[in-house]
Amino acid sequence: MADGLDVDAMLARFRDRAASVKRRPLPPVAGDERRKFQDQAKVDFLDFAIIGDAVGVVENGFLVLRVDLRPADQRG
């Protein structure tokens, strides 16, 4: 499987998904359902954005994703 895996393309798809969540229109719901939708969108964006920001490589058959979670001003 690793032979056919394009890690950069996969990470680009996650960045695209994160951007899609930001553009996702709110459905015509109100109250608790609206809040649940908004909360889920926040979680979806965070998940997709974290993976999209990763640096990925395949090492010895393992997909290794490195994600720098330090604040931007502390990254080197």
N, C-alpha and C. Protein backbone atom coordinates (compact mmCIF):
# COMPACT_ATOMS: atom_id res chain seq x y z
N MET A 1 0.82 -1.20 0.00
CA MET A 1 0.00 0.00 0.00
C MET A 1 0.86 1.25 0.00
N ALA A 2 1.94 1.28 0.75
CA ALA A 2 2.79 2.46 0.82
C ALA A 2 3.38 2.82 -0.54
N ASP A 3 3.57 1.80 -1.39
CA ASP A 3 4.14 2.06 -2.70
C ASP A 3 3.28 3.01 -3.52
N GLY A 4 1.95 2.93 -3.37
CA GLY A 4 1.06 3.76 -4.15
C GLY A 4 0.56 4.98 -3.41
N LEU A 5 1.03 5.19 -2.20
CA LEU A 5 0.56 6.31 -1.39
C LEU A 5 1.36 7.56 -1.71
N ASP A 6 0.66 8.57 -2.17
CA ASP A 6 1.27 9.89 -2.40
C ASP A 6 0.95 10.73 -1.16
N VAL A 7 1.89 10.79 -0.24
CA VAL A 7 1.68 11.45 1.04
C VAL A 7 1.36 12.94 0.84
N ASP A 8 2.08 13.60 -0.05
CA ASP A 8 1.82 15.02 -0.28
C ASP A 8 0.41 15.25 -0.81
N ALA A 9 -0.05 14.39 -1.70
CA ALA A 9 -1.41 14.52 -2.24
C ALA A 9 -2.44 14.26 -1.14
N MET A 10 -2.17 13.29 -0.27
CA MET A 10 -3.09 13.00 0.82
C MET A 10 -3.20 14.21 1.75
N LEU A 11 -2.06 14.80 2.09
CA LEU A 11 -2.07 15.97 2.97
C LEU A 11 -2.78 17.14 2.31
N ALA A 12 -2.62 17.29 1.01
CA ALA A 12 -3.32 18.35 0.27
C ALA A 12 -4.83 18.13 0.34
N ARG A 13 -5.27 16.88 0.27
CA ARG A 13 -6.71 16.60 0.38
C ARG A 13 -7.23 17.00 1.75
N PHE A 14 -6.45 16.78 2.79
CA PHE A 14 -6.88 17.19 4.12
C PHE A 14 -6.94 18.71 4.22
N ARG A 15 -5.99 19.41 3.61
CA ARG A 15 -6.06 20.88 3.60
C ARG A 15 -7.30 21.34 2.85
N ASP A 16 -7.62 20.68 1.74
CA ASP A 16 -8.83 21.02 0.98
C ASP A 16 -10.09 20.77 1.81
N ARG A 17 -10.09 19.67 2.55
CA ARG A 17 -11.26 19.37 3.39
C ARG A 17 -11.43 20.41 4.49
N ALA A 18 -10.32 20.85 5.08
CA ALA A 18 -10.41 21.89 6.10
C ALA A 18 -10.99 23.16 5.51
N ALA A 19 -10.54 23.53 4.32
CA ALA A 19 -11.07 24.74 3.66
C ALA A 19 -12.55 24.55 3.33
N SER A 20 -12.95 23.36 2.95
CA SER A 20 -14.35 23.10 2.63
C SER A 20 -15.25 23.26 3.85
N VAL A 21 -14.75 22.84 5.00
CA VAL A 21 -15.53 22.99 6.23
C VAL A 21 -15.76 24.47 6.49
N LYS A 22 -14.75 25.30 6.26
CA LYS A 22 -14.91 26.74 6.48
C LYS A 22 -15.95 27.35 5.54
N ARG A 23 -16.06 26.80 4.33
CA ARG A 23 -17.00 27.32 3.35
C ARG A 23 -18.38 26.68 3.45
N ARG A 24 -18.51 25.65 4.26
CA ARG A 24 -19.76 24.90 4.37
C ARG A 24 -20.88 25.81 4.86
N PRO A 25 -21.97 25.91 4.10
CA PRO A 25 -23.09 26.75 4.55
C PRO A 25 -23.84 26.08 5.70
N LEU A 26 -24.44 26.91 6.53
CA LEU A 26 -25.26 26.38 7.61
C LEU A 26 -26.57 25.87 7.03
N PRO A 27 -27.01 24.71 7.46
CA PRO A 27 -28.31 24.21 6.99
C PRO A 27 -29.42 25.03 7.65
N PRO A 28 -30.61 24.94 7.11
CA PRO A 28 -31.73 25.72 7.67
C PRO A 28 -32.26 25.10 8.96
N VAL A 29 -31.44 25.17 10.00
CA VAL A 29 -31.83 24.65 11.31
C VAL A 29 -31.60 25.76 12.34
N ALA A 30 -32.26 25.62 13.48
CA ALA A 30 -32.11 26.63 14.53
C ALA A 30 -31.93 25.94 15.87
N GLY A 31 -31.64 26.74 16.86
CA GLY A 31 -31.55 26.25 18.22
C GLY A 31 -30.43 25.26 18.44
N ASP A 32 -30.76 24.19 19.17
CA ASP A 32 -29.75 23.19 19.53
C ASP A 32 -29.15 22.51 18.31
N GLU A 33 -29.95 22.25 17.30
CA GLU A 33 -29.43 21.59 16.09
C GLU A 33 -28.41 22.48 15.38
N ARG A 34 -28.65 23.76 15.36
CA ARG A 34 -27.71 24.71 14.74
C ARG A 34 -26.39 24.71 15.51
N ARG A 35 -26.50 24.75 16.84
CA ARG A 35 -25.30 24.75 17.69
C ARG A 35 -24.51 23.46 17.49
N LYS A 36 -25.21 22.33 17.42
CA LYS A 36 -24.54 21.04 17.21
C LYS A 36 -23.81 21.03 15.87
N PHE A 37 -24.45 21.57 14.85
CA PHE A 37 -23.82 21.63 13.53
C PHE A 37 -22.56 22.49 13.58
N GLN A 38 -22.66 23.65 14.22
CA GLN A 38 -21.51 24.55 14.33
C GLN A 38 -20.39 23.91 15.14
N ASP A 39 -20.73 23.24 16.23
CA ASP A 39 -19.72 22.57 17.05
C ASP A 39 -19.01 21.47 16.25
N GLN A 40 -19.80 20.69 15.48
CA GLN A 40 -19.21 19.63 14.68
C GLN A 40 -18.30 20.21 13.60
N ALA A 41 -18.69 21.34 13.02
CA ALA A 41 -17.86 21.98 11.99
C ALA A 41 -16.51 22.42 12.59
N LYS A 42 -16.52 22.90 13.81
CA LYS A 42 -15.27 23.30 14.46
C LYS A 42 -14.35 22.10 14.65
N VAL A 43 -14.93 20.99 15.10
CA VAL A 43 -14.13 19.77 15.31
C VAL A 43 -13.62 19.24 13.98
N ASP A 44 -14.49 19.21 12.96
CA ASP A 44 -14.07 18.74 11.63
C ASP A 44 -12.92 19.59 11.10
N PHE A 45 -13.06 20.92 11.21
CA PHE A 45 -12.00 21.80 10.72
C PHE A 45 -10.70 21.52 11.45
N LEU A 46 -10.74 21.44 12.76
CA LEU A 46 -9.53 21.20 13.55
C LEU A 46 -8.85 19.89 13.14
N ASP A 47 -9.64 18.83 13.03
CA ASP A 47 -9.08 17.52 12.65
C ASP A 47 -8.42 17.59 11.27
N PHE A 48 -9.14 18.12 10.29
CA PHE A 48 -8.60 18.18 8.93
C PHE A 48 -7.40 19.12 8.86
N ALA A 49 -7.45 20.24 9.57
CA ALA A 49 -6.35 21.21 9.52
C ALA A 49 -5.09 20.65 10.17
N ILE A 50 -5.24 19.93 11.27
CA ILE A 50 -4.06 19.35 11.93
C ILE A 50 -3.36 18.37 10.99
N ILE A 51 -4.12 17.48 10.38
CA ILE A 51 -3.50 16.52 9.46
C ILE A 51 -2.95 17.25 8.24
N GLY A 52 -3.68 18.24 7.74
CA GLY A 52 -3.22 18.99 6.58
C GLY A 52 -1.93 19.75 6.82
N ASP A 53 -1.67 20.13 8.07
CA ASP A 53 -0.44 20.85 8.41
C ASP A 53 0.73 19.93 8.70
N ALA A 54 0.49 18.63 8.68
CA ALA A 54 1.53 17.66 9.03
C ALA A 54 2.58 17.57 7.92
N VAL A 55 3.74 17.09 8.33
CA VAL A 55 4.78 16.67 7.40
C VAL A 55 4.75 15.16 7.45
N GLY A 56 4.57 14.53 6.30
CA GLY A 56 4.41 13.09 6.29
C GLY A 56 5.46 12.37 5.47
N VAL A 57 5.85 11.22 5.96
CA VAL A 57 6.78 10.34 5.25
C VAL A 57 6.37 8.90 5.53
N VAL A 58 6.79 8.00 4.65
CA VAL A 58 6.62 6.57 4.90
C VAL A 58 7.99 6.04 5.30
N GLU A 59 8.06 5.47 6.50
CA GLU A 59 9.31 4.92 7.03
C GLU A 59 9.09 3.47 7.41
N ASN A 60 9.81 2.58 6.77
CA ASN A 60 9.72 1.15 7.09
C ASN A 60 8.28 0.64 7.06
N GLY A 61 7.50 1.14 6.11
CA GLY A 61 6.12 0.69 5.97
C GLY A 61 5.12 1.41 6.86
N PHE A 62 5.57 2.38 7.64
CA PHE A 62 4.69 3.14 8.52
C PHE A 62 4.52 4.55 7.97
N LEU A 63 3.29 5.02 7.94
CA LEU A 63 3.05 6.43 7.62
C LEU A 63 3.31 7.22 8.88
N VAL A 64 4.27 8.14 8.82
CA VAL A 64 4.64 8.94 9.98
C VAL A 64 4.26 10.39 9.67
N LEU A 65 3.39 10.93 10.53
CA LEU A 65 2.98 12.32 10.39
C LEU A 65 3.56 13.10 11.56
N ARG A 66 4.24 14.19 11.24
CA ARG A 66 4.79 15.06 12.29
C ARG A 66 4.00 16.35 12.26
N VAL A 67 3.45 16.71 13.43
CA VAL A 67 2.64 17.91 13.55
C VAL A 67 3.25 18.77 14.65
N ASP A 68 3.63 19.97 14.30
CA ASP A 68 4.21 20.90 15.27
C ASP A 68 3.07 21.63 15.95
N LEU A 69 2.83 21.31 17.22
CA LEU A 69 1.73 21.92 17.97
C LEU A 69 2.16 23.11 18.81
N ARG A 70 3.44 23.49 18.67
CA ARG A 70 3.91 24.65 19.41
C ARG A 70 3.28 25.92 18.84
N PRO A 71 3.14 26.96 19.66
CA PRO A 71 2.66 28.25 19.14
C PRO A 71 3.57 28.72 18.00
N ALA A 72 3.02 29.44 17.04
CA ALA A 72 3.77 29.88 15.87
C ALA A 72 5.04 30.62 16.23
N ASP A 73 5.01 31.41 17.31
CA ASP A 73 6.20 32.18 17.67
C ASP A 73 7.30 31.34 18.33
N GLN A 74 7.01 30.06 18.60
CA GLN A 74 8.00 29.18 19.21
C GLN A 74 8.50 28.10 18.25
N ARG A 75 8.06 28.16 17.01
CA ARG A 75 8.49 27.16 16.04
C ARG A 75 9.83 27.56 15.45
N GLY A 76 10.62 26.53 15.14
CA GLY A 76 11.95 26.83 14.62
C GLY A 76 12.26 26.23 13.33
